[in-house]
Amino acid sequence: MRRLVWLSVVAAVAIAYPLLLSSPFQQRLGALVLLYAIAASAWNIVGGYAGQVSVGHVVFFGCGAYAAMGAYAKFGLSPLFGIPGGIALAVGLAAIIGVPTLRLSGHYFSMATIAVAETMRLIVTNTEWLGAAVGLSGPTVPRNIFDLSFLSSLPYYYLFLSVLAITLLITWWMTNSRMGFYLRAIKDSERAARSLGAPASRTKLYAYMLSAALTAVAGALYAMMFGFVDPESGFGILISVKILIMAALGGAGLLFGPLVGAAILVPLEEISNSWLGGKGAGLTFVAYGAIIVLIARFQPGGLLSLVMRRKKAAADTGASHAP
């Protein structure tokens, strides 16, 4: 009952946010938090629940972004119609990449995904049909509602909020299904899980493909909001690092961990960029590095796990003092 009350409060605050804080900057900030929360929640499926730290997850983000912009730039269609193609491309790539790389573990898997991401970025940069280094642009003026091109950030906010809710529901369903139990067992000890009959390779591949599909949706939404994508904004490794840190900061392997991380990191980045302008570009890398070190050293489970642990300790203390 208490959990349901908290969920209701969070949902009410999320719905009311752009109406209470109605300046263009605040609405854009809220939309960006939700957008990156979608991407981080998608990464959380394979990185948090399966324990496979994919640093090259930006490959699937770029698939969605380029598919959305390519639908307009190459075929004159609404970017919305490019989303199914982006999802299909991301899932196909995940299947091709995942079969060999998911046999690796730890930093070997991370290095393999980085190599794939950089290869994709170089391929796109040197492919004229994809705009090469210049990139692809969406519609400058919305032709109809299906273009999802708005002057205000308010429609994007509620669109992203709806997609985030669906993403969290899918994640919640997965964690409470047989697949979720398998993933947790594999994360704790893959050898032990295999000895008990868990199909480790197949389960990790399914998780990787599901994560890729949701990441592609996040990439498509990003491209539609900004109306533009190039190799750096679509396949730049910094996007993967940002997504990873958001999930780790809030709590990897927890349903709302990525949202908590996005709610902290996105405002920090946007406000520092607003205050420092172009001088703050390098500060982002410094901040990411510092956050990684602090999380690894003091709170590997993320901030949300710290709160949950303290609540549990308080409850245990209260129970021990009960007559």
Protein backbone atom coordinates (compact mmCIF):
# COMPACT_ATOMS: atom_id res chain seq x y z
CA MET A 1 0.00 0.00 0.00
CA ARG A 2 2.82 2.37 0.90
CA ARG A 3 4.57 1.58 -2.39
CA LEU A 4 1.37 2.34 -4.31
CA VAL A 5 1.03 5.70 -2.53
CA TRP A 6 4.60 6.64 -3.43
CA LEU A 7 4.04 5.65 -7.07
CA SER A 8 0.90 7.79 -7.18
CA VAL A 9 2.76 10.78 -5.75
CA VAL A 10 5.63 10.40 -8.24
CA ALA A 11 3.16 10.09 -11.15
CA ALA A 12 1.23 13.18 -10.00
CA VAL A 13 4.44 15.22 -9.69
CA ALA A 14 5.61 14.08 -13.14
CA ILE A 15 2.28 15.01 -14.76
CA ALA A 16 2.10 18.39 -13.02
CA TYR A 17 5.78 19.37 -13.47
CA PRO A 18 5.53 21.25 -16.81
CA LEU A 19 2.38 23.03 -15.65
CA LEU A 20 3.94 24.24 -12.40
CA LEU A 21 7.38 25.02 -13.86
CA SER A 22 6.28 26.46 -17.17
CA SER A 23 9.30 28.36 -18.48
CA PRO A 24 10.72 27.04 -21.80
CA PHE A 25 14.02 26.10 -20.14
CA GLN A 26 12.29 24.14 -17.35
CA GLN A 27 10.00 22.29 -19.78
CA ARG A 28 12.93 21.42 -22.05
CA LEU A 29 14.91 20.24 -19.02
CA GLY A 30 12.04 17.99 -17.94
CA ALA A 31 11.72 16.54 -21.45
CA LEU A 32 15.46 15.78 -21.57
CA VAL A 33 15.33 14.07 -18.17
CA LEU A 34 12.55 11.78 -19.41
CA LEU A 35 14.30 11.14 -22.73
CA TYR A 36 17.54 10.04 -21.09
CA ALA A 37 15.59 8.08 -18.47
CA ILE A 38 14.10 6.05 -21.35
CA ALA A 39 17.55 5.35 -22.78
CA ALA A 40 19.04 4.54 -19.35
CA SER A 41 16.10 2.26 -18.48
CA ALA A 42 16.64 0.41 -21.77
CA TRP A 43 20.35 0.00 -20.97
CA ASN A 44 19.41 -1.17 -17.46
CA ILE A 45 17.83 -4.35 -18.86
CA VAL A 46 21.14 -5.72 -20.07
CA GLY A 47 23.58 -3.70 -17.96
CA GLY A 48 21.70 -3.71 -14.65
CA TYR A 49 19.69 -6.93 -14.56
CA ALA A 50 21.98 -9.11 -16.69
CA GLY A 51 25.22 -7.54 -15.48
CA GLN A 52 26.57 -7.13 -19.03
CA VAL A 53 28.03 -3.60 -19.04
CA SER A 54 27.56 -2.46 -22.63
CA VAL A 55 29.53 0.75 -23.22
CA GLY A 56 28.72 0.63 -26.94
CA HIS A 57 24.96 0.74 -26.52
CA VAL A 58 24.92 3.96 -28.52
CA VAL A 59 24.89 1.77 -31.66
CA PHE A 60 21.19 1.09 -31.10
CA PHE A 61 20.51 4.71 -30.15
CA GLY A 62 22.00 5.76 -33.48
CA CYS A 63 19.94 3.16 -35.39
CA GLY A 64 16.74 4.72 -34.10
CA ALA A 65 17.90 8.30 -34.67
CA TYR A 66 19.08 7.70 -38.25
CA ALA A 67 16.00 5.66 -39.13
CA ALA A 68 13.71 8.49 -37.97
CA MET A 69 15.62 11.21 -39.81
CA GLY A 70 16.22 8.98 -42.84
CA ALA A 71 12.49 8.37 -43.28
CA TYR A 72 12.07 12.09 -43.92
CA ALA A 73 15.37 13.00 -45.58
CA LYS A 74 15.44 10.06 -48.01
CA PHE A 75 11.79 9.09 -48.53
CA GLY A 76 9.82 12.21 -47.58
CA LEU A 77 7.90 10.32 -44.88
CA SER A 78 7.19 11.39 -41.33
CA PRO A 79 10.08 10.55 -38.96
CA LEU A 80 7.51 8.62 -36.95
CA PHE A 81 7.37 5.99 -39.71
CA GLY A 82 11.10 5.41 -39.37
CA ILE A 83 10.78 4.09 -35.80
CA PRO A 84 9.74 0.49 -36.75
CA GLY A 85 12.67 0.33 -39.17
CA GLY A 86 15.03 1.61 -36.48
CA ILE A 87 13.77 -0.97 -34.00
CA ALA A 88 14.13 -3.79 -36.55
CA LEU A 89 17.66 -2.65 -37.45
CA ALA A 90 18.67 -2.38 -33.77
CA VAL A 91 17.27 -5.82 -32.90
CA GLY A 92 18.98 -7.37 -35.93
CA LEU A 93 22.31 -5.77 -35.02
CA ALA A 94 21.88 -6.87 -31.40
CA ALA A 95 21.40 -10.47 -32.57
CA ILE A 96 24.47 -10.29 -34.82
CA ILE A 97 26.64 -8.53 -32.23
CA GLY A 98 25.31 -10.41 -29.23
CA VAL A 99 25.98 -13.98 -30.37
CA PRO A 100 29.80 -13.61 -30.27
CA THR A 101 30.22 -10.79 -27.72
CA LEU A 102 27.87 -12.06 -25.00
CA ARG A 103 30.21 -15.02 -24.58
CA LEU A 104 32.62 -12.49 -23.08
CA SER A 105 32.27 -11.03 -19.60
CA GLY A 106 33.45 -8.06 -17.57
CA HIS A 107 35.63 -5.48 -19.26
CA TYR A 108 36.20 -7.76 -22.28
CA PHE A 109 32.52 -7.44 -23.21
CA SER A 110 32.65 -3.67 -22.62
CA MET A 111 35.70 -3.30 -24.88
CA ALA A 112 34.04 -5.35 -27.61
CA THR A 113 30.93 -3.14 -27.58
CA ILE A 114 33.10 0.00 -27.72
CA ALA A 115 34.86 -1.38 -30.81
CA VAL A 116 31.50 -2.07 -32.50
CA ALA A 117 30.23 1.43 -31.67
CA GLU A 118 33.33 3.14 -33.03
CA THR A 119 33.21 1.01 -36.18
CA MET A 120 29.60 2.03 -36.78
CA ARG A 121 30.42 5.69 -36.22
CA LEU A 122 33.23 5.55 -38.78
CA ILE A 123 31.03 3.73 -41.31
CA VAL A 124 28.25 6.32 -40.97
CA THR A 125 30.76 9.21 -41.12
CA ASN A 126 32.06 7.94 -44.46
CA THR A 127 28.70 7.02 -46.02
CA GLU A 128 27.37 9.80 -48.25
CA TRP A 129 23.86 8.33 -48.41
CA LEU A 130 23.59 8.79 -44.64
CA GLY A 131 24.79 12.38 -44.82
CA ALA A 132 28.40 11.51 -43.95
CA ALA A 133 29.86 13.89 -41.34
CA VAL A 134 27.08 16.45 -41.96
CA GLY A 135 24.27 14.13 -40.87
CA LEU A 136 20.55 14.15 -41.67
CA SER A 137 17.88 16.73 -40.88
CA GLY A 138 14.18 16.36 -40.22
CA PRO A 139 11.33 18.64 -41.33
CA THR A 140 12.06 22.30 -40.59
CA VAL A 141 8.34 23.12 -40.58
CA PRO A 142 5.81 20.51 -39.38
CA ARG A 143 3.64 19.32 -42.26
CA ASN A 144 1.21 17.40 -40.07
CA ILE A 145 0.91 16.03 -36.55
CA PHE A 146 2.73 12.83 -37.52
CA ASP A 147 5.96 14.79 -38.01
CA LEU A 148 6.05 15.27 -34.20
CA SER A 149 7.80 18.60 -34.72
CA PHE A 150 6.71 21.10 -32.07
CA LEU A 151 7.88 24.60 -31.18
CA SER A 152 7.28 23.99 -27.48
CA SER A 153 8.88 21.28 -25.33
CA LEU A 154 5.54 20.59 -23.61
CA PRO A 155 4.24 18.04 -26.18
CA TYR A 156 7.62 16.30 -26.14
CA TYR A 157 7.47 16.12 -22.34
CA TYR A 158 4.17 14.25 -22.27
CA LEU A 159 5.18 12.06 -25.22
CA PHE A 160 8.40 11.06 -23.46
CA LEU A 161 6.54 10.55 -20.18
CA SER A 162 4.17 8.11 -21.92
CA VAL A 163 7.05 6.20 -23.54
CA LEU A 164 8.94 6.08 -20.21
CA ALA A 165 5.86 4.65 -18.49
CA ILE A 166 5.62 1.93 -21.17
CA THR A 167 9.36 1.22 -20.85
CA LEU A 168 9.10 0.85 -17.08
CA LEU A 169 6.07 -1.41 -17.43
CA ILE A 170 7.96 -3.65 -19.87
CA THR A 171 10.94 -3.73 -17.50
CA TRP A 172 8.72 -4.52 -14.51
CA TRP A 173 7.03 -7.32 -16.45
CA MET A 174 10.40 -8.71 -17.49
CA THR A 175 11.82 -8.67 -13.95
CA ASN A 176 8.82 -10.61 -12.64
CA SER A 177 8.87 -13.15 -15.45
CA ARG A 178 11.01 -16.27 -15.82
CA MET A 179 13.43 -14.23 -17.93
CA GLY A 180 13.97 -11.79 -15.06
CA PHE A 181 14.69 -14.61 -12.59
CA TYR A 182 17.14 -16.15 -15.04
CA LEU A 183 18.91 -12.81 -15.53
CA ARG A 184 19.33 -12.26 -11.79
CA ALA A 185 20.70 -15.78 -11.38
CA ILE A 186 23.10 -15.28 -14.30
CA LYS A 187 24.28 -11.96 -12.87
CA ASP A 188 25.02 -13.55 -9.48
CA SER A 189 26.85 -16.55 -10.96
CA GLU A 190 26.51 -17.60 -14.59
CA ARG A 191 28.23 -20.92 -13.95
CA ALA A 192 25.87 -21.79 -11.11
CA ALA A 193 22.85 -20.70 -13.19
CA ARG A 194 23.95 -22.93 -16.06
CA SER A 195 24.43 -25.87 -13.70
CA LEU A 196 20.81 -25.46 -12.57
CA GLY A 197 19.52 -25.51 -16.13
CA ALA A 198 19.15 -21.79 -16.88
CA PRO A 199 19.66 -21.06 -20.63
CA ALA A 200 22.22 -18.33 -20.00
CA SER A 201 23.30 -17.54 -23.56
CA ARG A 202 19.77 -17.40 -24.93
CA THR A 203 18.44 -15.33 -22.00
CA LYS A 204 21.23 -12.77 -22.27
CA LEU A 205 20.68 -12.50 -26.02
CA TYR A 206 16.94 -11.91 -25.55
CA ALA A 207 17.68 -9.23 -22.93
CA TYR A 208 20.21 -7.61 -25.27
CA MET A 209 17.69 -7.53 -28.13
CA LEU A 210 14.91 -6.11 -25.93
CA SER A 211 17.29 -3.46 -24.61
CA ALA A 212 18.36 -2.61 -28.18
CA ALA A 213 14.73 -2.14 -29.30
CA LEU A 214 13.93 0.27 -26.46
CA THR A 215 17.21 2.14 -26.96
CA ALA A 216 16.34 2.61 -30.65
CA VAL A 217 13.02 4.18 -29.62
CA ALA A 218 14.94 6.61 -27.38
CA GLY A 219 17.25 7.48 -30.27
CA ALA A 220 14.32 8.13 -32.60
CA LEU A 221 12.64 10.39 -30.02
CA TYR A 222 15.92 12.28 -29.55
CA ALA A 223 16.23 12.88 -33.30
CA MET A 224 12.60 14.03 -33.59
CA MET A 225 12.99 16.49 -30.72
CA PHE A 226 16.19 18.04 -32.07
CA GLY A 227 15.29 17.57 -35.75
CA PHE A 228 18.81 16.55 -36.64
CA VAL A 229 21.32 13.73 -36.23
CA ASP A 230 24.99 13.37 -37.16
CA PRO A 231 27.61 10.69 -36.38
CA GLU A 232 28.56 12.28 -33.06
CA SER A 233 25.04 12.87 -31.75
CA GLY A 234 23.88 9.46 -33.01
CA PHE A 235 26.88 7.20 -32.47
CA GLY A 236 29.20 9.21 -30.20
CA ILE A 237 30.58 7.10 -27.35
CA LEU A 238 29.88 9.89 -24.86
CA ILE A 239 26.15 9.16 -25.18
CA SER A 240 26.75 5.57 -24.04
CA VAL A 241 28.86 6.78 -21.13
CA LYS A 242 26.16 9.25 -20.11
CA ILE A 243 23.43 6.59 -20.22
CA LEU A 244 25.57 4.14 -18.27
CA ILE A 245 26.39 6.69 -15.55
CA MET A 246 22.72 7.65 -15.15
CA ALA A 247 21.75 4.03 -14.52
CA ALA A 248 24.70 3.41 -12.20
CA LEU A 249 24.19 6.66 -10.28
CA GLY A 250 20.53 5.99 -9.58
CA GLY A 251 20.89 2.25 -9.15
CA ALA A 252 21.61 -0.30 -11.89
CA GLY A 253 19.31 -3.29 -11.64
CA LEU A 254 16.56 -1.25 -9.94
CA LEU A 255 13.38 -0.25 -11.77
CA PHE A 256 13.53 3.48 -10.96
CA GLY A 257 17.31 3.75 -10.68
CA PRO A 258 17.84 5.16 -14.21
CA LEU A 259 15.12 7.77 -13.67
CA VAL A 260 16.77 8.94 -10.43
CA GLY A 261 20.15 9.13 -12.17
CA ALA A 262 18.73 11.08 -15.12
CA ALA A 263 16.93 13.48 -12.75
CA ILE A 264 20.31 14.30 -11.16
CA LEU A 265 22.74 14.20 -14.09
CA VAL A 266 20.74 15.94 -16.84
CA PRO A 267 19.99 19.12 -14.81
CA LEU A 268 23.62 19.18 -13.64
CA GLU A 269 24.86 19.07 -17.24
CA GLU A 270 22.31 21.56 -18.60
CA ILE A 271 22.81 24.09 -15.81
CA SER A 272 26.61 23.91 -16.04
CA ASN A 273 26.40 24.39 -19.82
CA SER A 274 24.03 27.32 -19.33
CA TRP A 275 26.29 29.01 -16.81
CA LEU A 276 29.63 28.34 -18.49
CA GLY A 277 28.57 28.27 -22.15
CA GLY A 278 31.26 26.91 -24.46
CA LYS A 279 33.84 27.01 -21.66
CA GLY A 280 31.99 24.22 -19.86
CA ALA A 281 32.30 21.65 -22.66
CA GLY A 282 35.33 19.96 -21.10
CA LEU A 283 33.77 20.11 -17.64
CA THR A 284 31.25 17.45 -18.69
CA PHE A 285 34.01 14.87 -19.16
CA VAL A 286 35.58 15.79 -15.82
CA ALA A 287 32.21 15.47 -14.06
CA TYR A 288 31.50 12.06 -15.67
CA GLY A 289 34.91 10.77 -14.64
CA ALA A 290 34.47 12.00 -11.08
CA ILE A 291 31.00 10.43 -10.82
CA ILE A 292 32.31 7.07 -12.07
CA VAL A 293 35.11 7.10 -9.48
CA LEU A 294 32.78 8.09 -6.64
CA ILE A 295 30.17 5.47 -7.52
CA ALA A 296 32.76 2.71 -7.87
CA ARG A 297 34.46 3.66 -4.60
CA PHE A 298 31.62 4.53 -2.24
CA GLN A 299 28.25 3.36 -3.63
CA PRO A 300 28.45 0.67 -6.34
CA GLY A 301 24.74 -0.06 -5.94
CA GLY A 302 23.68 3.52 -6.68
CA LEU A 303 21.81 6.13 -4.66
CA LEU A 304 18.46 4.33 -4.71
CA SER A 305 19.97 1.18 -3.21
CA LEU A 306 21.49 3.31 -0.43
CA VAL A 307 18.07 4.75 0.41
CA MET A 308 16.48 1.30 0.35
CA ARG A 309 19.21 -0.14 2.55
CA ARG A 310 18.82 2.62 5.12
CA LYS A 311 15.03 2.18 5.18
CA LYS A 312 15.50 -1.53 5.74
CA ALA A 313 18.01 -0.91 8.52
CA ALA A 314 15.62 1.54 10.19
CA ALA A 315 12.79 -0.99 9.94
CA ASP A 316 14.98 -3.75 11.41
CA THR A 317 16.03 -1.44 14.25
CA GLY A 318 12.40 -0.60 15.01
CA ALA A 319 11.45 -4.27 14.96
CA SER A 320 14.29 -5.21 17.33
CA HIS A 321 13.15 -2.56 19.85
CA ALA A 322 9.49 -3.60 19.65
CA PRO A 323 8.14 -5.24 22.83
